[in-house]
């Protein structure tokens, strides 16, 4: 994992876990690595992973079963998508809109570009 983004490391780890859930690597009810296991795997301090898991708990993506570990919650993918969409609208979309305004890119230009890119991927 590359920790060069301006986003906090613990949030990057939480994002990676959400991605793995969305990609089907971990299913609802499945145990995920312990804090210590993941810290060793990623080469980070266990406190950083603890913060990541707390964020995932807050989002309802994982649950903690005392003495057993952390598990993917029911409907975790749905919850992960919901929080990711909220984050995109809150954090990313305003930046995109500002950049579009500065560059003189209109909504119609954007729609045409997206349609072209989508068409290119289907070929």
PDB file of N, CA and C in Angstrom:
ATOM      1  N   UNK A   1       0.847  -1.172   0.000  1.00  0.00           N
ATOM      2  CA  UNK A   1       0.000   0.000   0.000  1.00  0.00           C
ATOM      3  C   UNK A   1       0.891   1.232   0.000  1.00  0.00           C
ATOM      4  N   UNK A   2       0.531   2.203  -0.823  1.00  0.00           N
ATOM      5  CA  UNK A   2       1.267   3.461  -0.903  1.00  0.00           C
ATOM      6  C   UNK A   2       0.563   4.495  -0.050  1.00  0.00           C
ATOM      7  N   UNK A   3       1.278   5.048   0.892  1.00  0.00           N
ATOM      8  CA  UNK A   3       0.701   6.042   1.780  1.00  0.00           C
ATOM      9  C   UNK A   3       1.212   7.429   1.413  1.00  0.00           C
ATOM     10  N   UNK A   4       0.946   7.845   0.175  1.00  0.00           N
ATOM     11  CA  UNK A   4       1.434   9.144  -0.264  1.00  0.00           C
ATOM     12  C   UNK A   4       0.299  10.147  -0.481  1.00  0.00           C
ATOM     13  N   UNK A   5      -0.918   9.694  -0.401  1.00  0.00           N
ATOM     14  CA  UNK A   5      -2.067  10.584  -0.583  1.00  0.00           C
ATOM     15  C   UNK A   5      -2.157  11.567   0.572  1.00  0.00           C
ATOM     16  N   UNK A   6      -2.845  12.695   0.332  1.00  0.00           N
ATOM     17  CA  UNK A   6      -3.051  13.626   1.437  1.00  0.00           C
ATOM     18  C   UNK A   6      -4.063  13.090   2.459  1.00  0.00           C
ATOM     19  N   UNK A   7      -4.838  12.097   2.078  1.00  0.00           N
ATOM     20  CA  UNK A   7      -5.827  11.497   2.969  1.00  0.00           C
ATOM     21  C   UNK A   7      -5.107  10.720   4.074  1.00  0.00           C
ATOM     22  N   UNK A   8      -5.625  10.768   5.285  1.00  0.00           N
ATOM     23  CA  UNK A   8      -5.007  10.087   6.429  1.00  0.00           C
ATOM     24  C   UNK A   8      -4.814   8.604   6.146  1.00  0.00           C
ATOM     25  N   UNK A   9      -3.736   8.060   6.698  1.00  0.00           N
ATOM     26  CA  UNK A   9      -3.422   6.648   6.479  1.00  0.00           C
ATOM     27  C   UNK A   9      -4.551   5.762   6.979  1.00  0.00           C
ATOM     28  N   UNK A  10      -5.117   6.071   8.148  1.00  0.00           N
ATOM     29  CA  UNK A  10      -6.170   5.207   8.671  1.00  0.00           C
ATOM     30  C   UNK A  10      -7.386   5.195   7.751  1.00  0.00           C
ATOM     31  N   UNK A  11      -7.668   6.327   7.095  1.00  0.00           N
ATOM     32  CA  UNK A  11      -8.796   6.363   6.156  1.00  0.00           C
ATOM     33  C   UNK A  11      -8.456   5.615   4.868  1.00  0.00           C
ATOM     34  N   UNK A  12      -7.195   5.667   4.450  1.00  0.00           N
ATOM     35  CA  UNK A  12      -6.785   4.894   3.275  1.00  0.00           C
ATOM     36  C   UNK A  12      -6.945   3.395   3.540  1.00  0.00           C
ATOM     37  N   UNK A  13      -6.611   2.977   4.752  1.00  0.00           N
ATOM     38  CA  UNK A  13      -6.767   1.562   5.119  1.00  0.00           C
ATOM     39  C   UNK A  13      -8.249   1.198   5.143  1.00  0.00           C
ATOM     40  N   UNK A  14      -9.072   2.048   5.735  1.00  0.00           N
ATOM     41  CA  UNK A  14     -10.519   1.794   5.769  1.00  0.00           C
ATOM     42  C   UNK A  14     -11.069   1.710   4.346  1.00  0.00           C
ATOM     43  N   UNK A  15     -10.600   2.599   3.451  1.00  0.00           N
ATOM     44  CA  UNK A  15     -11.032   2.563   2.051  1.00  0.00           C
ATOM     45  C   UNK A  15     -10.648   1.240   1.397  1.00  0.00           C
ATOM     46  N   UNK A  16      -9.432   0.788   1.691  1.00  0.00           N
ATOM     47  CA  UNK A  16      -8.963  -0.478   1.112  1.00  0.00           C
ATOM     48  C   UNK A  16      -9.855  -1.638   1.579  1.00  0.00           C
ATOM     49  N   UNK A  17     -10.243  -1.625   2.829  1.00  0.00           N
ATOM     50  CA  UNK A  17     -11.106  -2.691   3.356  1.00  0.00           C
ATOM     51  C   UNK A  17     -12.485  -2.618   2.706  1.00  0.00           C
ATOM     52  N   UNK A  18     -13.025  -1.403   2.562  1.00  0.00           N
ATOM     53  CA  UNK A  18     -14.319  -1.254   1.878  1.00  0.00           C
ATOM     54  C   UNK A  18     -14.224  -1.763   0.455  1.00  0.00           C
ATOM     55  N   UNK A  19     -13.122  -1.445  -0.230  1.00  0.00           N
ATOM     56  CA  UNK A  19     -12.943  -1.916  -1.601  1.00  0.00           C
ATOM     57  C   UNK A  19     -12.937  -3.438  -1.661  1.00  0.00           C
ATOM     58  N   UNK A  20     -12.251  -4.060  -0.725  1.00  0.00           N
ATOM     59  CA  UNK A  20     -12.166  -5.527  -0.705  1.00  0.00           C
ATOM     60  C   UNK A  20     -13.543  -6.149  -0.459  1.00  0.00           C
ATOM     61  N   UNK A  21     -14.339  -5.487   0.360  1.00  0.00           N
ATOM     62  CA  UNK A  21     -15.703  -5.973   0.606  1.00  0.00           C
ATOM     63  C   UNK A  21     -16.539  -5.800  -0.661  1.00  0.00           C
ATOM     64  N   UNK A  22     -16.438  -4.646  -1.306  1.00  0.00           N
ATOM     65  CA  UNK A  22     -17.205  -4.389  -2.522  1.00  0.00           C
ATOM     66  C   UNK A  22     -16.803  -5.326  -3.661  1.00  0.00           C
ATOM     67  N   UNK A  23     -15.538  -5.718  -3.693  1.00  0.00           N
ATOM     68  CA  UNK A  23     -15.063  -6.632  -4.732  1.00  0.00           C
ATOM     69  C   UNK A  23     -15.399  -8.087  -4.423  1.00  0.00           C
ATOM     70  N   UNK A  24     -16.029  -8.324  -3.264  1.00  0.00           N
ATOM     71  CA  UNK A  24     -16.448  -9.673  -2.913  1.00  0.00           C
ATOM     72  C   UNK A  24     -15.377 -10.522  -2.265  1.00  0.00           C
ATOM     73  N   UNK A  25     -14.251  -9.924  -1.925  1.00  0.00           N
ATOM     74  CA  UNK A  25     -13.182 -10.687  -1.280  1.00  0.00           C
ATOM     75  C   UNK A  25     -13.615 -11.170   0.102  1.00  0.00           C
ATOM     76  N   UNK A  26     -14.368 -10.316   0.803  1.00  0.00           N
ATOM     77  CA  UNK A  26     -14.924 -10.687   2.106  1.00  0.00           C
ATOM     78  C   UNK A  26     -16.432 -10.553   2.050  1.00  0.00           C
ATOM     79  N   UNK A  27     -17.120 -11.580   2.499  1.00  0.00           N
ATOM     80  CA  UNK A  27     -18.584 -11.631   2.471  1.00  0.00           C
ATOM     81  C   UNK A  27     -19.166 -11.261   3.831  1.00  0.00           C
ATOM     82  N   UNK A  28     -20.463 -10.940   3.843  1.00  0.00           N
ATOM     83  CA  UNK A  28     -21.159 -10.667   5.098  1.00  0.00           C
ATOM     84  C   UNK A  28     -20.927 -11.805   6.084  1.00  0.00           C
ATOM     85  N   UNK A  29     -20.587 -11.456   7.314  1.00  0.00           N
ATOM     86  CA  UNK A  29     -20.380 -12.443   8.364  1.00  0.00           C
ATOM     87  C   UNK A  29     -18.986 -13.040   8.414  1.00  0.00           C
ATOM     88  N   UNK A  30     -18.153 -12.728   7.433  1.00  0.00           N
ATOM     89  CA  UNK A  30     -16.806 -13.290   7.384  1.00  0.00           C
ATOM     90  C   UNK A  30     -15.858 -12.493   8.276  1.00  0.00           C
ATOM     91  N   UNK A  31     -14.963 -13.216   8.938  1.00  0.00           N
ATOM     92  CA  UNK A  31     -13.967 -12.578   9.800  1.00  0.00           C
ATOM     93  C   UNK A  31     -12.920 -11.893   8.940  1.00  0.00           C
ATOM     94  N   UNK A  32     -12.515 -10.684   9.359  1.00  0.00           N
ATOM     95  CA  UNK A  32     -11.442  -9.976   8.679  1.00  0.00           C
ATOM     96  C   UNK A  32     -10.193 -10.045   9.565  1.00  0.00           C
ATOM     97  N   UNK A  33      -9.038  -9.699   9.040  1.00  0.00           N
ATOM     98  CA  UNK A  33      -7.817  -9.816   9.845  1.00  0.00           C
ATOM     99  C   UNK A  33      -7.903  -9.023  11.155  1.00  0.00           C
ATOM    100  N   UNK A  34      -7.234  -9.535  12.164  1.00  0.00           N
ATOM    101  CA  UNK A  34      -7.182  -8.819  13.437  1.00  0.00           C
ATOM    102  C   UNK A  34      -6.393  -7.531  13.246  1.00  0.00           C
ATOM    103  N   UNK A  35      -6.489  -6.651  14.220  1.00  0.00           N
ATOM    104  CA  UNK A  35      -5.742  -5.401  14.167  1.00  0.00           C
ATOM    105  C   UNK A  35      -4.253  -5.679  14.013  1.00  0.00           C
ATOM    106  N   UNK A  36      -3.745  -6.575  14.822  1.00  0.00           N
ATOM    107  CA  UNK A  36      -2.309  -6.897  14.777  1.00  0.00           C
ATOM    108  C   UNK A  36      -1.933  -7.518  13.429  1.00  0.00           C
ATOM    109  N   UNK A  37      -2.740  -8.447  12.929  1.00  0.00           N
ATOM    110  CA  UNK A  37      -2.442  -9.090  11.647  1.00  0.00           C
ATOM    111  C   UNK A  37      -2.366  -8.061  10.519  1.00  0.00           C
ATOM    112  N   UNK A  38      -3.349  -7.177  10.475  1.00  0.00           N
ATOM    113  CA  UNK A  38      -3.377  -6.190   9.399  1.00  0.00           C
ATOM    114  C   UNK A  38      -2.247  -5.174   9.547  1.00  0.00           C
ATOM    115  N   UNK A  39      -1.933  -4.794  10.776  1.00  0.00           N
ATOM    116  CA  UNK A  39      -0.827  -3.852  11.004  1.00  0.00           C
ATOM    117  C   UNK A  39       0.490  -4.435  10.495  1.00  0.00           C
ATOM    118  N   UNK A  40       0.711  -5.705  10.766  1.00  0.00           N
ATOM    119  CA  UNK A  40       1.933  -6.371  10.295  1.00  0.00           C
ATOM    120  C   UNK A  40       1.924  -6.453   8.768  1.00  0.00           C
ATOM    121  N   UNK A  41       0.790  -6.861   8.203  1.00  0.00           N
ATOM    122  CA  UNK A  41       0.671  -6.988   6.748  1.00  0.00           C
ATOM    123  C   UNK A  41       0.964  -5.662   6.040  1.00  0.00           C
ATOM    124  N   UNK A  42       0.460  -4.560   6.603  1.00  0.00           N
ATOM    125  CA  UNK A  42       0.607  -3.253   5.961  1.00  0.00           C
ATOM    126  C   UNK A  42       1.838  -2.482   6.420  1.00  0.00           C
ATOM    127  N   UNK A  43       2.470  -2.936   7.485  1.00  0.00           N
ATOM    128  CA  UNK A  43       3.646  -2.256   8.001  1.00  0.00           C
ATOM    129  C   UNK A  43       3.326  -0.936   8.671  1.00  0.00           C
ATOM    130  N   UNK A  44       2.201  -0.916   9.403  1.00  0.00           N
ATOM    131  CA  UNK A  44       1.790   0.302  10.117  1.00  0.00           C
ATOM    132  C   UNK A  44       1.621  -0.009  11.599  1.00  0.00           C
ATOM    133  N   UNK A  45       1.481   1.031  12.387  1.00  0.00           N
ATOM    134  CA  UNK A  45       1.261   0.901  13.816  1.00  0.00           C
ATOM    135  C   UNK A  45      -0.139   0.328  14.072  1.00  0.00           C
ATOM    136  N   UNK A  46      -0.283  -0.597  15.027  1.00  0.00           N
ATOM    137  CA  UNK A  46      -1.612  -1.138  15.332  1.00  0.00           C
ATOM    138  C   UNK A  46      -2.643  -0.061  15.693  1.00  0.00           C
ATOM    139  N   UNK A  47      -2.190   1.050  16.278  1.00  0.00           N
ATOM    140  CA  UNK A  47      -3.135   2.130  16.600  1.00  0.00           C
ATOM    141  C   UNK A  47      -3.777   2.713  15.344  1.00  0.00           C
ATOM    142  N   UNK A  48      -3.027   2.724  14.242  1.00  0.00           N
ATOM    143  CA  UNK A  48      -3.569   3.217  12.972  1.00  0.00           C
ATOM    144  C   UNK A  48      -4.677   2.300  12.486  1.00  0.00           C
ATOM    145  N   UNK A  49      -4.450   0.996  12.565  1.00  0.00           N
ATOM    146  CA  UNK A  49      -5.471   0.031  12.149  1.00  0.00           C
ATOM    147  C   UNK A  49      -6.681   0.117  13.078  1.00  0.00           C
ATOM    148  N   UNK A  50      -6.449   0.339  14.363  1.00  0.00           N
ATOM    149  CA  UNK A  50      -7.550   0.496  15.313  1.00  0.00           C
ATOM    150  C   UNK A  50      -8.446   1.657  14.883  1.00  0.00           C
ATOM    151  N   UNK A  51      -7.846   2.765  14.480  1.00  0.00           N
ATOM    152  CA  UNK A  51      -8.633   3.917  14.005  1.00  0.00           C
ATOM    153  C   UNK A  51      -9.402   3.556  12.744  1.00  0.00           C
ATOM    154  N   UNK A  52      -8.789   2.773  11.859  1.00  0.00           N
ATOM    155  CA  UNK A  52      -9.460   2.334  10.632  1.00  0.00           C
ATOM    156  C   UNK A  52     -10.681   1.488  10.970  1.00  0.00           C
ATOM    157  N   UNK A  53     -10.493   0.551  11.875  1.00  0.00           N
ATOM    158  CA  UNK A  53     -11.597  -0.331  12.257  1.00  0.00           C
ATOM    159  C   UNK A  53     -12.696   0.449  12.965  1.00  0.00           C
ATOM    160  N   UNK A  54     -12.325   1.479  13.729  1.00  0.00           N
ATOM    161  CA  UNK A  54     -13.336   2.304  14.383  1.00  0.00           C
ATOM    162  C   UNK A  54     -14.171   3.048  13.339  1.00  0.00           C
ATOM    163  N   UNK A  55     -13.525   3.549  12.303  1.00  0.00           N
ATOM    164  CA  UNK A  55     -14.258   4.218  11.222  1.00  0.00           C
ATOM    165  C   UNK A  55     -15.212   3.235  10.547  1.00  0.00           C
ATOM    166  N   UNK A  56     -14.733   2.025  10.295  1.00  0.00           N
ATOM    167  CA  UNK A  56     -15.583   1.006   9.667  1.00  0.00           C
ATOM    168  C   UNK A  56     -16.752   0.620  10.572  1.00  0.00           C
ATOM    169  N   UNK A  57     -16.507   0.574  11.873  1.00  0.00           N
ATOM    170  CA  UNK A  57     -17.591   0.328  12.830  1.00  0.00           C
ATOM    171  C   UNK A  57     -18.612   1.459  12.775  1.00  0.00           C
ATOM    172  N   UNK A  58     -18.121   2.693  12.744  1.00  0.00           N
ATOM    173  CA  UNK A  58     -19.011   3.856  12.692  1.00  0.00           C
ATOM    174  C   UNK A  58     -19.870   3.855  11.438  1.00  0.00           C
ATOM    175  N   UNK A  59     -19.306   3.388  10.335  1.00  0.00           N
ATOM    176  CA  UNK A  59     -20.043   3.328   9.071  1.00  0.00           C
ATOM    177  C   UNK A  59     -20.951   2.108   8.983  1.00  0.00           C
ATOM    178  N   UNK A  60     -20.843   1.196   9.949  1.00  0.00           N
ATOM    179  CA  UNK A  60     -21.669  -0.009   9.938  1.00  0.00           C
ATOM    180  C   UNK A  60     -21.197  -1.072   8.966  1.00  0.00           C
ATOM    181  N   UNK A  61     -19.936  -1.000   8.559  1.00  0.00           N
ATOM    182  CA  UNK A  61     -19.395  -1.945   7.583  1.00  0.00           C
ATOM    183  C   UNK A  61     -18.856  -3.198   8.261  1.00  0.00           C
ATOM    184  N   UNK A  62     -18.340  -3.042   9.472  1.00  0.00           N
ATOM    185  CA  UNK A  62     -17.864  -4.190  10.242  1.00  0.00           C
ATOM    186  C   UNK A  62     -18.499  -4.159  11.624  1.00  0.00           C
ATOM    187  N   UNK A  63     -18.456  -5.306  12.279  1.00  0.00           N
ATOM    188  CA  UNK A  63     -18.911  -5.420  13.665  1.00  0.00           C
ATOM    189  C   UNK A  63     -17.802  -6.087  14.465  1.00  0.00           C
ATOM    190  N   UNK A  64     -17.758  -5.768  15.748  1.00  0.00           N
ATOM    191  CA  UNK A  64     -16.766  -6.358  16.637  1.00  0.00           C
ATOM    192  C   UNK A  64     -17.477  -7.369  17.534  1.00  0.00           C
ATOM    193  N   UNK A  65     -17.008  -8.593  17.490  1.00  0.00           N
ATOM    194  CA  UNK A  65     -17.526  -9.620  18.389  1.00  0.00           C
ATOM    195  C   UNK A  65     -16.445  -9.841  19.442  1.00  0.00           C
ATOM    196  N   UNK A  66     -16.695  -9.324  20.610  1.00  0.00           N
ATOM    197  CA  UNK A  66     -15.692  -9.364  21.688  1.00  0.00           C
ATOM    198  C   UNK A  66     -15.110 -10.770  21.861  1.00  0.00           C
ATOM    199  N   UNK A  67     -13.786 -10.788  21.872  1.00  0.00           N
ATOM    200  CA  UNK A  67     -13.087 -12.053  22.053  1.00  0.00           C
ATOM    201  C   UNK A  67     -12.951 -12.873  20.786  1.00  0.00           C
ATOM    202  N   UNK A  68     -13.662 -12.503  19.736  1.00  0.00           N
ATOM    203  CA  UNK A  68     -13.615 -13.266  18.484  1.00  0.00           C
ATOM    204  C   UNK A  68     -12.992 -12.485  17.343  1.00  0.00           C
ATOM    205  N   UNK A  69     -13.122 -11.145  17.388  1.00  0.00           N
ATOM    206  CA  UNK A  69     -12.528 -10.329  16.337  1.00  0.00           C
ATOM    207  C   UNK A  69     -13.542  -9.487  15.595  1.00  0.00           C
ATOM    208  N   UNK A  70     -13.116  -9.012  14.439  1.00  0.00           N
ATOM    209  CA  UNK A  70     -13.939  -8.149  13.600  1.00  0.00           C
ATOM    210  C   UNK A  70     -14.489  -8.954  12.433  1.00  0.00           C
ATOM    211  N   UNK A  71     -15.747  -8.672  12.112  1.00  0.00           N
ATOM    212  CA  UNK A  71     -16.450  -9.400  11.061  1.00  0.00           C
ATOM    213  C   UNK A  71     -17.157  -8.414  10.144  1.00  0.00           C
ATOM    214  N   UNK A  72     -17.316  -8.817   8.886  1.00  0.00           N
ATOM    215  CA  UNK A  72     -18.058  -8.016   7.926  1.00  0.00           C
ATOM    216  C   UNK A  72     -19.525  -8.018   8.364  1.00  0.00           C
ATOM    217  N   UNK A  73     -20.128  -6.849   8.443  1.00  0.00           N
ATOM    218  CA  UNK A  73     -21.515  -6.747   8.903  1.00  0.00           C
ATOM    219  C   UNK A  73     -22.487  -7.206   7.811  1.00  0.00           C
ATOM    220  N   UNK A  74     -23.713  -7.439   8.211  1.00  0.00           N
ATOM    221  CA  UNK A  74     -24.772  -7.735   7.244  1.00  0.00           C
ATOM    222  C   UNK A  74     -24.983  -6.510   6.368  1.00  0.00           C
ATOM    223  N   UNK A  75     -25.132  -6.734   5.069  1.00  0.00           N
ATOM    224  CA  UNK A  75     -25.336  -5.655   4.095  1.00  0.00           C
ATOM    225  C   UNK A  75     -24.165  -4.674   4.071  1.00  0.00           C
ATOM    226  N   UNK A  76     -22.965  -5.168   4.333  1.00  0.00           N
ATOM    227  CA  UNK A  76     -21.773  -4.312   4.390  1.00  0.00           C
ATOM    228  C   UNK A  76     -21.512  -3.606   3.060  1.00  0.00           C
ATOM    229  N   UNK A  77     -21.655  -4.312   1.954  1.00  0.00           N
ATOM    230  CA  UNK A  77     -21.396  -3.698   0.647  1.00  0.00           C
ATOM    231  C   UNK A  77     -22.355  -2.535   0.414  1.00  0.00           C
ATOM    232  N   UNK A  78     -23.603  -2.726   0.759  1.00  0.00           N
ATOM    233  CA  UNK A  78     -24.604  -1.663   0.617  1.00  0.00           C
ATOM    234  C   UNK A  78     -24.241  -0.455   1.487  1.00  0.00           C
ATOM    235  N   UNK A  79     -23.814  -0.712   2.700  1.00  0.00           N
ATOM    236  CA  UNK A  79     -23.424   0.368   3.610  1.00  0.00           C
ATOM    237  C   UNK A  79     -22.157   1.067   3.130  1.00  0.00           C
ATOM    238  N   UNK A  80     -21.212   0.283   2.618  1.00  0.00           N
ATOM    239  CA  UNK A  80     -19.969   0.866   2.109  1.00  0.00           C
ATOM    240  C   UNK A  80     -20.254   1.780   0.920  1.00  0.00           C
ATOM    241  N   UNK A  81     -21.096   1.314   0.008  1.00  0.00           N
ATOM    242  CA  UNK A  81     -21.464   2.144  -1.140  1.00  0.00           C
ATOM    243  C   UNK A  81     -22.125   3.437  -0.692  1.00  0.00           C
ATOM    244  N   UNK A  82     -22.984   3.340   0.284  1.00  0.00           N
ATOM    245  CA  UNK A  82     -23.694   4.527   0.783  1.00  0.00           C
ATOM    246  C   UNK A  82     -22.701   5.553   1.323  1.00  0.00           C
ATOM    247  N   UNK A  83     -21.773   5.118   2.164  1.00  0.00           N
ATOM    248  CA  UNK A  83     -20.815   6.072   2.735  1.00  0.00           C
ATOM    249  C   UNK A  83     -19.859   6.607   1.675  1.00  0.00           C
ATOM    250  N   UNK A  84     -19.474   5.773   0.719  1.00  0.00           N
ATOM    251  CA  UNK A  84     -18.572   6.222  -0.336  1.00  0.00           C
ATOM    252  C   UNK A  84     -19.258   7.254  -1.227  1.00  0.00           C
ATOM    253  N   UNK A  85     -20.529   7.039  -1.526  1.00  0.00           N
ATOM    254  CA  UNK A  85     -21.278   8.018  -2.327  1.00  0.00           C
ATOM    255  C   UNK A  85     -21.396   9.333  -1.578  1.00  0.00           C
ATOM    256  N   UNK A  86     -21.704   9.263  -0.286  1.00  0.00           N
ATOM    257  CA  UNK A  86     -21.804  10.480   0.519  1.00  0.00           C
ATOM    258  C   UNK A  86     -20.477  11.231   0.545  1.00  0.00           C
ATOM    259  N   UNK A  87     -19.380  10.507   0.701  1.00  0.00           N
ATOM    260  CA  UNK A  87     -18.057  11.126   0.711  1.00  0.00           C
ATOM    261  C   UNK A  87     -17.738  11.766  -0.642  1.00  0.00           C
ATOM    262  N   UNK A  88     -18.103  11.084  -1.722  1.00  0.00           N
ATOM    263  CA  UNK A  88     -17.841  11.631  -3.057  1.00  0.00           C
ATOM    264  C   UNK A  88     -18.594  12.943  -3.256  1.00  0.00           C
ATOM    265  N   UNK A  89     -19.879  12.943  -2.917  1.00  0.00           N
ATOM    266  CA  UNK A  89     -20.689  14.145  -3.093  1.00  0.00           C
ATOM    267  C   UNK A  89     -20.185  15.275  -2.195  1.00  0.00           C
ATOM    268  N   UNK A  90     -19.791  14.950  -0.992  1.00  0.00           N
ATOM    269  CA  UNK A  90     -19.341  15.959  -0.029  1.00  0.00           C
ATOM    270  C   UNK A  90     -17.925  16.461  -0.330  1.00  0.00           C
ATOM    271  N   UNK A  91     -17.007  15.549  -0.699  1.00  0.00           N
ATOM    272  CA  UNK A  91     -15.595  15.901  -0.798  1.00  0.00           C
ATOM    273  C   UNK A  91     -15.077  16.077  -2.230  1.00  0.00           C
ATOM    274  N   UNK A  92     -15.440  15.179  -3.110  1.00  0.00           N
ATOM    275  CA  UNK A  92     -14.866  15.176  -4.457  1.00  0.00           C
ATOM    276  C   UNK A  92     -15.649  16.023  -5.453  1.00  0.00           C
ATOM    277  N   UNK A  93     -16.954  15.917  -5.432  1.00  0.00           N
ATOM    278  CA  UNK A  93     -17.773  16.605  -6.426  1.00  0.00           C
ATOM    279  C   UNK A  93     -17.565  18.120  -6.421  1.00  0.00           C
ATOM    280  N   UNK A  94     -17.498  18.776  -5.259  1.00  0.00           N
ATOM    281  CA  UNK A  94     -17.241  20.225  -5.292  1.00  0.00           C
ATOM    282  C   UNK A  94     -15.921  20.578  -5.980  1.00  0.00           C
ATOM    283  N   UNK A  95     -14.898  19.748  -5.807  1.00  0.00           N
ATOM    284  CA  UNK A  95     -13.615  19.987  -6.478  1.00  0.00           C
ATOM    285  C   UNK A  95     -13.747  19.835  -7.988  1.00  0.00           C
ATOM    286  N   UNK A  96     -14.489  18.800  -8.395  1.00  0.00           N
ATOM    287  CA  UNK A  96     -14.696  18.564  -9.824  1.00  0.00           C
ATOM    288  C   UNK A  96     -15.467  19.735 -10.433  1.00  0.00           C
ATOM    289  N   UNK A  97     -16.503  20.191  -9.758  1.00  0.00           N
ATOM    290  CA  UNK A  97     -17.312  21.299 -10.274  1.00  0.00           C
ATOM    291  C   UNK A  97     -16.462  22.570 -10.387  1.00  0.00           C
ATOM    292  N   UNK A  98     -15.647  22.853  -9.376  1.00  0.00           N
ATOM    293  CA  UNK A  98     -14.764  24.030  -9.429  1.00  0.00           C
ATOM    294  C   UNK A  98     -13.795  23.930 -10.605  1.00  0.00           C
ATOM    295  N   UNK A  99     -13.213  22.742 -10.786  1.00  0.00           N
ATOM    296  CA  UNK A  99     -12.274  22.549 -11.893  1.00  0.00           C
ATOM    297  C   UNK A  99     -12.989  22.717 -13.237  1.00  0.00           C
ATOM    298  N   UNK A 100     -14.187  22.180 -13.347  1.00  0.00           N
ATOM    299  CA  UNK A 100     -14.955  22.329 -14.586  1.00  0.00           C
ATOM    300  C   UNK A 100     -15.226  23.799 -14.869  1.00  0.00           C
ATOM    301  N   UNK A 101     -15.597  24.545 -13.845  1.00  0.00           N
ATOM    302  CA  UNK A 101     -15.871  25.974 -14.030  1.00  0.00           C
ATOM    303  C   UNK A 101     -14.615  26.714 -14.467  1.00  0.00           C
ATOM    304  N   UNK A 102     -13.490  26.431 -13.838  1.00  0.00           N
ATOM    305  CA  UNK A 102     -12.230  27.097 -14.187  1.00  0.00           C
ATOM    306  C   UNK A 102     -11.797  26.776 -15.612  1.00  0.00           C
ATOM    307  N   UNK A 103     -12.061  25.552 -16.045  1.00  0.00           N
ATOM    308  CA  UNK A 103     -11.638  25.106 -17.372  1.00  0.00           C
ATOM    309  C   UNK A 103     -12.677  25.364 -18.457  1.00  0.00           C
ATOM    310  N   UNK A 104     -13.843  25.853 -18.052  1.00  0.00           N
ATOM    311  CA  UNK A 104     -14.895  26.129 -19.028  1.00  0.00           C
ATOM    312  C   UNK A 104     -15.537  24.872 -19.583  1.00  0.00           C
ATOM    313  N   UNK A 105     -15.570  23.826 -18.786  1.00  0.00           N
ATOM    314  CA  UNK A 105     -16.188  22.573 -19.201  1.00  0.00           C
ATOM    315  C   UNK A 105     -17.624  22.581 -18.703  1.00  0.00           C
ATOM    316  N   UNK A 106     -18.559  22.447 -19.619  1.00  0.00           N
ATOM    317  CA  UNK A 106     -19.971  22.437 -19.262  1.00  0.00           C
ATOM    318  C   UNK A 106     -20.467  21.028 -19.002  1.00  0.00           C
ATOM    319  N   UNK A 107     -21.667  20.941 -18.482  1.00  0.00           N
ATOM    320  CA  UNK A 107     -22.273  19.640 -18.196  1.00  0.00           C
ATOM    321  C   UNK A 107     -22.435  18.835 -19.474  1.00  0.00           C
ATOM    322  N   UNK A 108     -22.805  19.501 -20.586  1.00  0.00           N
ATOM    323  CA  UNK A 108     -22.958  18.793 -21.859  1.00  0.00           C
ATOM    324  C   UNK A 108     -21.620  18.233 -22.336  1.00  0.00           C
ATOM    325  N   UNK A 109     -20.531  19.010 -22.143  1.00  0.00           N
ATOM    326  CA  UNK A 109     -19.191  18.528 -22.510  1.00  0.00           C
ATOM    327  C   UNK A 109     -18.824  17.296 -21.693  1.00  0.00           C
ATOM    328  N   UNK A 110     -19.133  17.369 -20.418  1.00  0.00           N
ATOM    329  CA  UNK A 110     -18.826  16.250 -19.528  1.00  0.00           C
ATOM    330  C   UNK A 110     -19.628  15.009 -19.925  1.00  0.00           C
ATOM    331  N   UNK A 111     -20.914  15.201 -20.206  1.00  0.00           N
ATOM    332  CA  UNK A 111     -21.764  14.074 -20.604  1.00  0.00           C
ATOM    333  C   UNK A 111     -21.247  13.434 -21.890  1.00  0.00           C
ATOM    334  N   UNK A 112     -20.834  14.253 -22.847  1.00  0.00           N
ATOM    335  CA  UNK A 112     -20.306  13.727 -24.109  1.00  0.00           C
ATOM    336  C   UNK A 112     -19.015  12.948 -23.871  1.00  0.00           C
ATOM    337  N   UNK A 113     -18.157  13.487 -23.006  1.00  0.00           N
ATOM    338  CA  UNK A 113     -16.895  12.809 -22.700  1.00  0.00           C
ATOM    339  C   UNK A 113     -17.144  11.475 -21.997  1.00  0.00           C
ATOM    340  N   UNK A 114     -18.071  11.476 -21.051  1.00  0.00           N
ATOM    341  CA  UNK A 114     -18.397  10.232 -20.345  1.00  0.00           C
ATOM    342  C   UNK A 114     -18.992   9.200 -21.299  1.00  0.00           C
ATOM    343  N   UNK A 115     -19.859   9.649 -22.202  1.00  0.00           N
ATOM    344  CA  UNK A 115     -20.465   8.731 -23.178  1.00  0.00           C
ATOM    345  C   UNK A 115     -19.394   8.140 -24.083  1.00  0.00           C
ATOM    346  N   UNK A 116     -18.438   8.975 -24.489  1.00  0.00           N
ATOM    347  CA  UNK A 116     -17.353   8.493 -25.343  1.00  0.00           C
ATOM    348  C   UNK A 116     -16.490   7.480 -24.594  1.00  0.00           C
ATOM    349  N   UNK A 117     -16.137   7.782 -23.357  1.00  0.00           N
ATOM    350  CA  UNK A 117     -15.315   6.855 -22.563  1.00  0.00           C
ATOM    351  C   UNK A 117     -16.048   5.551 -22.314  1.00  0.00           C
ATOM    352  N   UNK A 118     -17.357   5.647 -22.041  1.00  0.00           N
ATOM    353  CA  UNK A 118     -18.131   4.435 -21.791  1.00  0.00           C
ATOM    354  C   UNK A 118     -18.190   3.590 -23.055  1.00  0.00           C
ATOM    355  N   UNK A 119     -18.343   4.242 -24.209  1.00  0.00           N
ATOM    356  CA  UNK A 119     -18.371   3.526 -25.490  1.00  0.00           C
ATOM    357  C   UNK A 119     -17.050   2.866 -25.795  1.00  0.00           C
ATOM    358  N   UNK A 120     -15.934   3.546 -25.437  1.00  0.00           N
ATOM    359  CA  UNK A 120     -14.600   2.992 -25.691  1.00  0.00           C
ATOM    360  C   UNK A 120     -14.366   1.729 -24.837  1.00  0.00           C
ATOM    361  N   UNK A 121     -14.898   1.696 -23.643  1.00  0.00           N
ATOM    362  CA  UNK A 121     -14.694   0.543 -22.747  1.00  0.00           C
ATOM    363  C   UNK A 121     -15.478  -0.671 -23.210  1.00  0.00           C
ATOM    364  N   UNK A 122     -16.592  -0.440 -23.921  1.00  0.00           N
ATOM    365  CA  UNK A 122     -17.419  -1.571 -24.359  1.00  0.00           C
ATOM    366  C   UNK A 122     -16.830  -2.264 -25.582  1.00  0.00           C
ATOM    367  N   UNK A 123     -15.893  -1.600 -26.268  1.00  0.00           N
ATOM    368  CA  UNK A 123     -15.307  -2.176 -27.488  1.00  0.00           C
ATOM    369  C   UNK A 123     -14.301  -3.230 -27.184  1.00  0.00           C
TER     370      UNK A 123
END
